[in-house]
């Protein structure tokens, strides 16, 4: 199970790095929350593990819209 979790963490980190290197430049700079959604995902995965952390990160991304909240929101 540890190997599966380690692979999942690695894949999530890889996806976030890919987002930051490609789409992040076009969509970035307009984040409503602090830390940014990509940093929140990395922090949540580190704090809660790959499954719960990814769920919390996806939940946060779903809250990121013009009618959503804003401000400081730690994982």
Protein backbone atom coordinates (compact mmCIF):
# COMPACT_ATOMS: atom_id res chain seq x y z
CA UNK A 1 0.00 0.00 0.00
CA UNK A 2 2.89 2.38 0.69
CA UNK A 3 4.18 1.94 -2.84
CA UNK A 4 0.75 2.76 -4.28
CA UNK A 5 0.51 5.87 -2.08
CA UNK A 6 4.02 6.96 -3.06
CA UNK A 7 3.18 6.54 -6.75
CA UNK A 8 -0.08 8.48 -6.28
CA UNK A 9 1.76 11.35 -4.54
CA UNK A 10 4.35 11.39 -7.32
CA UNK A 11 1.64 11.51 -10.01
CA UNK A 12 -0.23 14.33 -8.27
CA UNK A 13 2.99 16.32 -7.89
CA UNK A 14 3.76 15.69 -11.57
CA UNK A 15 0.30 16.88 -12.66
CA UNK A 16 0.58 20.05 -10.56
CA UNK A 17 4.06 20.74 -11.96
CA UNK A 18 2.73 20.22 -15.50
CA UNK A 19 -0.16 22.62 -14.81
CA UNK A 20 2.19 25.24 -13.41
CA UNK A 21 4.57 24.93 -16.37
CA UNK A 22 1.88 25.09 -19.05
CA UNK A 23 -1.64 26.25 -18.23
CA UNK A 24 -0.67 28.08 -15.06
CA UNK A 25 0.98 30.86 -17.04
CA UNK A 26 -2.18 31.47 -19.06
CA UNK A 27 -4.67 31.08 -16.20
CA UNK A 28 -2.50 32.06 -13.25
CA UNK A 29 -2.15 35.31 -11.41
CA UNK A 30 -5.86 35.62 -10.69
CA UNK A 31 -6.23 33.31 -7.72
CA UNK A 32 -8.88 34.31 -5.21
CA UNK A 33 -7.38 32.28 -2.39
CA UNK A 34 -4.09 32.25 -0.55
CA UNK A 35 -2.31 29.81 -0.99
CA UNK A 36 -3.05 29.24 -4.67
CA UNK A 37 -5.09 26.18 -5.64
CA UNK A 38 -2.03 24.34 -6.98
CA UNK A 39 -0.07 25.01 -3.78
CA UNK A 40 -3.11 24.01 -1.73
CA UNK A 41 -3.22 20.68 -3.60
CA UNK A 42 0.45 20.01 -2.86
CA UNK A 43 0.06 20.99 0.81
CA UNK A 44 -3.10 18.90 1.24
CA UNK A 45 -1.50 15.83 -0.33
CA UNK A 46 1.53 16.23 1.93
CA UNK A 47 -0.62 16.72 5.04
CA UNK A 48 -3.45 14.22 4.45
CA UNK A 49 -1.98 11.72 2.00
CA UNK A 50 -2.77 11.23 -1.68
CA UNK A 51 -6.43 10.21 -1.48
CA UNK A 52 -7.89 12.61 1.08
CA UNK A 53 -5.48 15.36 0.00
CA UNK A 54 -6.51 15.06 -3.65
CA UNK A 55 -10.17 15.10 -2.64
CA UNK A 56 -9.65 18.27 -0.59
CA UNK A 57 -7.70 19.84 -3.45
CA UNK A 58 -10.41 19.06 -5.99
CA UNK A 59 -13.02 20.42 -3.60
CA UNK A 60 -11.02 23.63 -3.35
CA UNK A 61 -10.74 23.93 -7.15
CA UNK A 62 -14.53 23.57 -7.39
CA UNK A 63 -14.94 26.50 -4.97
CA UNK A 64 -12.73 28.71 -7.15
CA UNK A 65 -15.24 30.64 -9.25
CA UNK A 66 -16.51 34.24 -9.37
CA UNK A 67 -19.27 33.57 -6.84
CA UNK A 68 -17.07 31.54 -4.48
CA UNK A 69 -15.12 32.69 -1.47
CA UNK A 70 -11.72 34.29 -1.24
CA UNK A 71 -8.96 34.99 1.27
CA UNK A 72 -6.64 32.84 3.33
CA UNK A 73 -7.66 29.17 3.24
CA UNK A 74 -5.03 26.72 4.58
CA UNK A 75 -5.42 22.97 3.95
